[in-house]
């Protein structure tokens, strides 16, 4: 991932956009990360990947919890 200073990002915004088309660009202010600029295509891909998916590990933990606490859940549902 490329890195650019916030001042350079502001002064060379067109270049920043061009850079973000090939890979995400980290924007730093005073040596600290403040933003990441990425292409709209990469944003769309990341959004689709994140929407509606639950980690298999989380699903296993939920199933184990539901099984373990089933009697409690049934009692509370009454």
PDB file of N, CA and C in Angstrom:
ATOM      1  N   UNK A   1       0.851  -1.171   0.000  1.00  0.00           N
ATOM      2  CA  UNK A   1       0.000   0.000   0.000  1.00  0.00           C
ATOM      3  C   UNK A   1       0.894   1.230   0.000  1.00  0.00           C
ATOM      4  N   UNK A   2       0.594   2.144  -0.884  1.00  0.00           N
ATOM      5  CA  UNK A   2       1.350   3.392  -0.965  1.00  0.00           C
ATOM      6  C   UNK A   2       0.876   4.334   0.137  1.00  0.00           C
ATOM      7  N   UNK A   3       1.746   5.271   0.498  1.00  0.00           N
ATOM      8  CA  UNK A   3       1.441   6.244   1.533  1.00  0.00           C
ATOM      9  C   UNK A   3       1.700   7.640   0.990  1.00  0.00           C
ATOM     10  N   UNK A   4       0.824   8.588   1.373  1.00  0.00           N
ATOM     11  CA  UNK A   4       0.985   9.971   0.957  1.00  0.00           C
ATOM     12  C   UNK A   4       0.646  10.869   2.148  1.00  0.00           C
ATOM     13  N   UNK A   5       1.345  11.988   2.254  1.00  0.00           N
ATOM     14  CA  UNK A   5       1.065  12.949   3.323  1.00  0.00           C
ATOM     15  C   UNK A   5      -0.248  13.658   3.024  1.00  0.00           C
ATOM     16  N   UNK A   6      -0.967  14.048   4.066  1.00  0.00           N
ATOM     17  CA  UNK A   6      -2.261  14.711   3.894  1.00  0.00           C
ATOM     18  C   UNK A   6      -2.122  15.991   3.069  1.00  0.00           C
ATOM     19  N   UNK A   7      -1.069  16.744   3.298  1.00  0.00           N
ATOM     20  CA  UNK A   7      -0.846  17.976   2.534  1.00  0.00           C
ATOM     21  C   UNK A   7      -0.671  17.666   1.056  1.00  0.00           C
ATOM     22  N   UNK A   8       0.116  16.648   0.738  1.00  0.00           N
ATOM     23  CA  UNK A   8       0.307  16.255  -0.663  1.00  0.00           C
ATOM     24  C   UNK A   8      -1.000  15.743  -1.263  1.00  0.00           C
ATOM     25  N   UNK A   9      -1.783  15.027  -0.477  1.00  0.00           N
ATOM     26  CA  UNK A   9      -3.067  14.522  -0.965  1.00  0.00           C
ATOM     27  C   UNK A   9      -3.982  15.687  -1.337  1.00  0.00           C
ATOM     28  N   UNK A  10      -3.976  16.725  -0.503  1.00  0.00           N
ATOM     29  CA  UNK A  10      -4.812  17.899  -0.768  1.00  0.00           C
ATOM     30  C   UNK A  10      -4.310  18.649  -1.999  1.00  0.00           C
ATOM     31  N   UNK A  11      -2.999  18.851  -2.073  1.00  0.00           N
ATOM     32  CA  UNK A  11      -2.432  19.635  -3.167  1.00  0.00           C
ATOM     33  C   UNK A  11      -2.402  18.890  -4.497  1.00  0.00           C
ATOM     34  N   UNK A  12      -2.408  17.562  -4.448  1.00  0.00           N
ATOM     35  CA  UNK A  12      -2.319  16.744  -5.660  1.00  0.00           C
ATOM     36  C   UNK A  12      -3.459  15.727  -5.687  1.00  0.00           C
ATOM     37  N   UNK A  13      -4.665  16.229  -5.520  1.00  0.00           N
ATOM     38  CA  UNK A  13      -5.815  15.345  -5.400  1.00  0.00           C
ATOM     39  C   UNK A  13      -5.995  14.454  -6.635  1.00  0.00           C
ATOM     40  N   UNK A  14      -5.788  15.006  -7.816  1.00  0.00           N
ATOM     41  CA  UNK A  14      -5.915  14.218  -9.042  1.00  0.00           C
ATOM     42  C   UNK A  14      -4.941  13.053  -9.057  1.00  0.00           C
ATOM     43  N   UNK A  15      -3.708  13.304  -8.612  1.00  0.00           N
ATOM     44  CA  UNK A  15      -2.705  12.236  -8.533  1.00  0.00           C
ATOM     45  C   UNK A  15      -3.123  11.186  -7.518  1.00  0.00           C
ATOM     46  N   UNK A  16      -3.691  11.625  -6.394  1.00  0.00           N
ATOM     47  CA  UNK A  16      -4.164  10.690  -5.370  1.00  0.00           C
ATOM     48  C   UNK A  16      -5.227   9.755  -5.951  1.00  0.00           C
ATOM     49  N   UNK A  17      -6.152  10.318  -6.693  1.00  0.00           N
ATOM     50  CA  UNK A  17      -7.204   9.500  -7.314  1.00  0.00           C
ATOM     51  C   UNK A  17      -6.594   8.500  -8.294  1.00  0.00           C
ATOM     52  N   UNK A  18      -5.638   8.962  -9.090  1.00  0.00           N
ATOM     53  CA  UNK A  18      -4.972   8.051 -10.038  1.00  0.00           C
ATOM     54  C   UNK A  18      -4.245   6.932  -9.304  1.00  0.00           C
ATOM     55  N   UNK A  19      -3.566   7.258  -8.210  1.00  0.00           N
ATOM     56  CA  UNK A  19      -2.849   6.246  -7.430  1.00  0.00           C
ATOM     57  C   UNK A  19      -3.811   5.209  -6.868  1.00  0.00           C
ATOM     58  N   UNK A  20      -4.984   5.661  -6.420  1.00  0.00           N
ATOM     59  CA  UNK A  20      -5.960   4.769  -5.784  1.00  0.00           C
ATOM     60  C   UNK A  20      -6.586   3.789  -6.772  1.00  0.00           C
ATOM     61  N   UNK A  21      -6.462   4.053  -8.059  1.00  0.00           N
ATOM     62  CA  UNK A  21      -7.019   3.131  -9.053  1.00  0.00           C
ATOM     63  C   UNK A  21      -6.244   1.822  -9.107  1.00  0.00           C
ATOM     64  N   UNK A  22      -4.961   1.866  -8.745  1.00  0.00           N
ATOM     65  CA  UNK A  22      -4.156   0.645  -8.807  1.00  0.00           C
ATOM     66  C   UNK A  22      -4.051  -0.068  -7.472  1.00  0.00           C
ATOM     67  N   UNK A  23      -4.140   0.679  -6.372  1.00  0.00           N
ATOM     68  CA  UNK A  23      -4.090   0.080  -5.036  1.00  0.00           C
ATOM     69  C   UNK A  23      -4.540   1.111  -4.011  1.00  0.00           C
ATOM     70  N   UNK A  24      -5.003   0.668  -2.844  1.00  0.00           N
ATOM     71  CA  UNK A  24      -5.383   1.623  -1.798  1.00  0.00           C
ATOM     72  C   UNK A  24      -4.191   2.500  -1.409  1.00  0.00           C
ATOM     73  N   UNK A  25      -4.482   3.749  -1.037  1.00  0.00           N
ATOM     74  CA  UNK A  25      -3.442   4.699  -0.662  1.00  0.00           C
ATOM     75  C   UNK A  25      -3.718   5.172   0.763  1.00  0.00           C
ATOM     76  N   UNK A  26      -2.720   5.021   1.622  1.00  0.00           N
ATOM     77  CA  UNK A  26      -2.809   5.456   3.012  1.00  0.00           C
ATOM     78  C   UNK A  26      -2.465   6.948   3.065  1.00  0.00           C
ATOM     79  N   UNK A  27      -3.308   7.730   3.744  1.00  0.00           N
ATOM     80  CA  UNK A  27      -3.054   9.158   3.909  1.00  0.00           C
ATOM     81  C   UNK A  27      -2.644   9.381   5.357  1.00  0.00           C
ATOM     82  N   UNK A  28      -1.500  10.066   5.526  1.00  0.00           N
ATOM     83  CA  UNK A  28      -0.982  10.296   6.874  1.00  0.00           C
ATOM     84  C   UNK A  28      -0.877  11.785   7.166  1.00  0.00           C
ATOM     85  N   UNK A  29      -1.160  12.109   8.416  1.00  0.00           N
ATOM     86  CA  UNK A  29      -0.968  13.461   8.917  1.00  0.00           C
ATOM     87  C   UNK A  29      -0.071  13.349  10.143  1.00  0.00           C
ATOM     88  N   UNK A  30       1.038  14.048  10.104  1.00  0.00           N
ATOM     89  CA  UNK A  30       2.013  14.019  11.202  1.00  0.00           C
ATOM     90  C   UNK A  30       2.434  12.595  11.560  1.00  0.00           C
ATOM     91  N   UNK A  31       2.594  11.759  10.518  1.00  0.00           N
ATOM     92  CA  UNK A  31       3.066  10.399  10.714  1.00  0.00           C
ATOM     93  C   UNK A  31       2.019   9.402  11.171  1.00  0.00           C
ATOM     94  N   UNK A  32       0.773   9.846  11.322  1.00  0.00           N
ATOM     95  CA  UNK A  32      -0.299   8.933  11.750  1.00  0.00           C
ATOM     96  C   UNK A  32      -1.278   8.722  10.610  1.00  0.00           C
ATOM     97  N   UNK A  33      -1.765   7.493  10.485  1.00  0.00           N
ATOM     98  CA  UNK A  33      -2.755   7.193   9.455  1.00  0.00           C
ATOM     99  C   UNK A  33      -4.061   7.908   9.782  1.00  0.00           C
ATOM    100  N   UNK A  34      -4.610   8.629   8.801  1.00  0.00           N
ATOM    101  CA  UNK A  34      -5.886   9.317   8.999  1.00  0.00           C
ATOM    102  C   UNK A  34      -6.956   8.872   8.015  1.00  0.00           C
ATOM    103  N   UNK A  35      -6.543   8.260   6.907  1.00  0.00           N
ATOM    104  CA  UNK A  35      -7.529   7.828   5.913  1.00  0.00           C
ATOM    105  C   UNK A  35      -6.886   6.825   4.957  1.00  0.00           C
ATOM    106  N   UNK A  36      -7.753   6.120   4.263  1.00  0.00           N
ATOM    107  CA  UNK A  36      -7.322   5.249   3.167  1.00  0.00           C
ATOM    108  C   UNK A  36      -8.233   5.563   1.990  1.00  0.00           C
ATOM    109  N   UNK A  37      -7.632   5.836   0.847  1.00  0.00           N
ATOM    110  CA  UNK A  37      -8.390   6.136  -0.366  1.00  0.00           C
ATOM    111  C   UNK A  37      -8.274   4.924  -1.280  1.00  0.00           C
ATOM    112  N   UNK A  38      -9.434   4.466  -1.787  1.00  0.00           N
ATOM    113  CA  UNK A  38      -9.417   3.324  -2.683  1.00  0.00           C
ATOM    114  C   UNK A  38     -10.394   3.547  -3.815  1.00  0.00           C
ATOM    115  N   UNK A  39     -10.223   2.793  -4.854  1.00  0.00           N
ATOM    116  CA  UNK A  39     -11.077   2.935  -6.030  1.00  0.00           C
ATOM    117  C   UNK A  39     -12.507   2.526  -5.694  1.00  0.00           C
ATOM    118  N   UNK A  40     -13.442   3.025  -6.481  1.00  0.00           N
ATOM    119  CA  UNK A  40     -14.843   2.661  -6.254  1.00  0.00           C
ATOM    120  C   UNK A  40     -15.057   1.168  -6.483  1.00  0.00           C
ATOM    121  N   UNK A  41     -14.317   0.589  -7.408  1.00  0.00           N
ATOM    122  CA  UNK A  41     -14.429  -0.851  -7.668  1.00  0.00           C
ATOM    123  C   UNK A  41     -13.964  -1.664  -6.450  1.00  0.00           C
ATOM    124  N   UNK A  42     -12.858  -1.253  -5.852  1.00  0.00           N
ATOM    125  CA  UNK A  42     -12.354  -1.957  -4.669  1.00  0.00           C
ATOM    126  C   UNK A  42     -13.326  -1.792  -3.497  1.00  0.00           C
ATOM    127  N   UNK A  43     -13.890  -0.596  -3.351  1.00  0.00           N
ATOM    128  CA  UNK A  43     -14.877  -0.367  -2.296  1.00  0.00           C
ATOM    129  C   UNK A  43     -16.089  -1.269  -2.491  1.00  0.00           C
ATOM    130  N   UNK A  44     -16.584  -1.366  -3.727  1.00  0.00           N
ATOM    131  CA  UNK A  44     -17.730  -2.225  -4.034  1.00  0.00           C
ATOM    132  C   UNK A  44     -17.416  -3.680  -3.694  1.00  0.00           C
ATOM    133  N   UNK A  45     -16.216  -4.135  -4.081  1.00  0.00           N
ATOM    134  CA  UNK A  45     -15.820  -5.512  -3.811  1.00  0.00           C
ATOM    135  C   UNK A  45     -15.771  -5.787  -2.314  1.00  0.00           C
ATOM    136  N   UNK A  46     -15.184  -4.876  -1.559  1.00  0.00           N
ATOM    137  CA  UNK A  46     -15.094  -5.048  -0.109  1.00  0.00           C
ATOM    138  C   UNK A  46     -16.478  -5.012   0.545  1.00  0.00           C
ATOM    139  N   UNK A  47     -17.335  -4.116   0.071  1.00  0.00           N
ATOM    140  CA  UNK A  47     -18.685  -4.021   0.617  1.00  0.00           C
ATOM    141  C   UNK A  47     -19.479  -5.296   0.381  1.00  0.00           C
ATOM    142  N   UNK A  48     -19.381  -5.832  -0.826  1.00  0.00           N
ATOM    143  CA  UNK A  48     -20.098  -7.068  -1.133  1.00  0.00           C
ATOM    144  C   UNK A  48     -19.559  -8.235  -0.309  1.00  0.00           C
ATOM    145  N   UNK A  49     -18.259  -8.269  -0.120  1.00  0.00           N
ATOM    146  CA  UNK A  49     -17.656  -9.354   0.655  1.00  0.00           C
ATOM    147  C   UNK A  49     -18.091  -9.298   2.113  1.00  0.00           C
ATOM    148  N   UNK A  50     -18.305  -8.096   2.621  1.00  0.00           N
ATOM    149  CA  UNK A  50     -18.648  -7.946   4.036  1.00  0.00           C
ATOM    150  C   UNK A  50     -20.141  -8.091   4.311  1.00  0.00           C
ATOM    151  N   UNK A  51     -20.968  -7.849   3.323  1.00  0.00           N
ATOM    152  CA  UNK A  51     -22.409  -7.850   3.574  1.00  0.00           C
ATOM    153  C   UNK A  51     -22.966  -9.261   3.662  1.00  0.00           C
ATOM    154  N   UNK A  52     -23.637  -9.526   4.757  1.00  0.00           N
ATOM    155  CA  UNK A  52     -24.354 -10.770   4.909  1.00  0.00           C
ATOM    156  C   UNK A  52     -23.524 -11.985   5.260  1.00  0.00           C
ATOM    157  N   UNK A  53     -22.263 -11.874   5.336  1.00  0.00           N
ATOM    158  CA  UNK A  53     -21.442 -13.037   5.656  1.00  0.00           C
ATOM    159  C   UNK A  53     -21.131 -13.081   7.137  1.00  0.00           C
ATOM    160  N   UNK A  54     -21.242 -14.264   7.675  1.00  0.00           N
ATOM    161  CA  UNK A  54     -20.885 -14.493   9.071  1.00  0.00           C
ATOM    162  C   UNK A  54     -19.746 -15.496   9.077  1.00  0.00           C
ATOM    163  N   UNK A  55     -18.759 -15.214   9.862  1.00  0.00           N
ATOM    164  CA  UNK A  55     -17.594 -16.080   9.945  1.00  0.00           C
ATOM    165  C   UNK A  55     -18.013 -17.485  10.379  1.00  0.00           C
ATOM    166  N   UNK A  56     -17.451 -18.517   9.772  1.00  0.00           N
ATOM    167  CA  UNK A  56     -17.754 -19.882  10.194  1.00  0.00           C
ATOM    168  C   UNK A  56     -17.435 -20.116  11.671  1.00  0.00           C
ATOM    169  N   UNK A  57     -16.406 -19.462  12.175  1.00  0.00           N
ATOM    170  CA  UNK A  57     -16.061 -19.608  13.591  1.00  0.00           C
ATOM    171  C   UNK A  57     -17.172 -19.049  14.469  1.00  0.00           C
ATOM    172  N   UNK A  58     -17.735 -17.917  14.067  1.00  0.00           N
ATOM    173  CA  UNK A  58     -18.833 -17.319  14.827  1.00  0.00           C
ATOM    174  C   UNK A  58     -20.063 -18.228  14.762  1.00  0.00           C
ATOM    175  N   UNK A  59     -20.324 -18.793  13.611  1.00  0.00           N
ATOM    176  CA  UNK A  59     -21.462 -19.708  13.477  1.00  0.00           C
ATOM    177  C   UNK A  59     -21.302 -20.925  14.388  1.00  0.00           C
ATOM    178  N   UNK A  60     -20.090 -21.486  14.458  1.00  0.00           N
ATOM    179  CA  UNK A  60     -19.848 -22.634  15.344  1.00  0.00           C
ATOM    180  C   UNK A  60     -20.038 -22.250  16.806  1.00  0.00           C
ATOM    181  N   UNK A  61     -19.530 -21.098  17.195  1.00  0.00           N
ATOM    182  CA  UNK A  61     -19.696 -20.644  18.579  1.00  0.00           C
ATOM    183  C   UNK A  61     -21.163 -20.423  18.913  1.00  0.00           C
ATOM    184  N   UNK A  62     -21.902 -19.847  17.983  1.00  0.00           N
ATOM    185  CA  UNK A  62     -23.331 -19.616  18.210  1.00  0.00           C
ATOM    186  C   UNK A  62     -24.068 -20.944  18.361  1.00  0.00           C
ATOM    187  N   UNK A  63     -23.775 -21.910  17.513  1.00  0.00           N
ATOM    188  CA  UNK A  63     -24.434 -23.218  17.591  1.00  0.00           C
ATOM    189  C   UNK A  63     -24.135 -23.897  18.918  1.00  0.00           C
ATOM    190  N   UNK A  64     -22.891 -23.833  19.357  1.00  0.00           N
ATOM    191  CA  UNK A  64     -22.519 -24.440  20.636  1.00  0.00           C
ATOM    192  C   UNK A  64     -23.227 -23.748  21.794  1.00  0.00           C
ATOM    193  N   UNK A  65     -23.313 -22.430  21.732  1.00  0.00           N
ATOM    194  CA  UNK A  65     -23.993 -21.673  22.793  1.00  0.00           C
ATOM    195  C   UNK A  65     -25.485 -21.993  22.816  1.00  0.00           C
ATOM    196  N   UNK A  66     -26.092 -22.042  21.642  1.00  0.00           N
ATOM    197  CA  UNK A  66     -27.524 -22.350  21.573  1.00  0.00           C
ATOM    198  C   UNK A  66     -27.811 -23.733  22.138  1.00  0.00           C
ATOM    199  N   UNK A  67     -26.958 -24.684  21.835  1.00  0.00           N
ATOM    200  CA  UNK A  67     -27.140 -26.040  22.356  1.00  0.00           C
ATOM    201  C   UNK A  67     -26.959 -26.070  23.873  1.00  0.00           C
ATOM    202  N   UNK A  68     -25.934 -25.395  24.344  1.00  0.00           N
ATOM    203  CA  UNK A  68     -25.625 -25.402  25.779  1.00  0.00           C
ATOM    204  C   UNK A  68     -26.723 -24.726  26.601  1.00  0.00           C
ATOM    205  N   UNK A  69     -27.255 -23.639  26.079  1.00  0.00           N
ATOM    206  CA  UNK A  69     -28.224 -22.845  26.845  1.00  0.00           C
ATOM    207  C   UNK A  69     -29.666 -23.044  26.369  1.00  0.00           C
ATOM    208  N   UNK A  70     -29.954 -24.103  25.630  1.00  0.00           N
ATOM    209  CA  UNK A  70     -31.283 -24.329  25.064  1.00  0.00           C
ATOM    210  C   UNK A  70     -32.378 -24.336  26.129  1.00  0.00           C
ATOM    211  N   UNK A  71     -32.142 -24.992  27.263  1.00  0.00           N
ATOM    212  CA  UNK A  71     -33.163 -25.045  28.319  1.00  0.00           C
ATOM    213  C   UNK A  71     -33.451 -23.654  28.867  1.00  0.00           C
ATOM    214  N   UNK A  72     -32.435 -22.861  29.023  1.00  0.00           N
ATOM    215  CA  UNK A  72     -32.602 -21.492  29.539  1.00  0.00           C
ATOM    216  C   UNK A  72     -33.400 -20.667  28.538  1.00  0.00           C
ATOM    217  N   UNK A  73     -33.052 -20.770  27.241  1.00  0.00           N
ATOM    218  CA  UNK A  73     -33.758 -20.019  26.221  1.00  0.00           C
ATOM    219  C   UNK A  73     -35.246 -20.405  26.173  1.00  0.00           C
ATOM    220  N   UNK A  74     -35.514 -21.713  26.290  1.00  0.00           N
ATOM    221  CA  UNK A  74     -36.907 -22.164  26.272  1.00  0.00           C
ATOM    222  C   UNK A  74     -37.659 -21.644  27.486  1.00  0.00           C
ATOM    223  N   UNK A  75     -37.022 -21.657  28.652  1.00  0.00           N
ATOM    224  CA  UNK A  75     -37.678 -21.150  29.872  1.00  0.00           C
ATOM    225  C   UNK A  75     -37.954 -19.655  29.754  1.00  0.00           C
ATOM    226  N   UNK A  76     -37.036 -18.925  29.194  1.00  0.00           N
ATOM    227  CA  UNK A  76     -37.217 -17.477  29.039  1.00  0.00           C
ATOM    228  C   UNK A  76     -38.286 -17.147  28.009  1.00  0.00           C
ATOM    229  N   UNK A  77     -38.476 -18.028  27.042  1.00  0.00           N
ATOM    230  CA  UNK A  77     -39.452 -17.785  25.974  1.00  0.00           C
ATOM    231  C   UNK A  77     -40.886 -17.963  26.449  1.00  0.00           C
ATOM    232  N   UNK A  78     -41.074 -18.629  27.581  1.00  0.00           N
ATOM    233  CA  UNK A  78     -42.445 -18.886  28.075  1.00  0.00           C
ATOM    234  C   UNK A  78     -43.076 -17.629  28.591  1.00  0.00           C
TER     235      UNK A  78
END
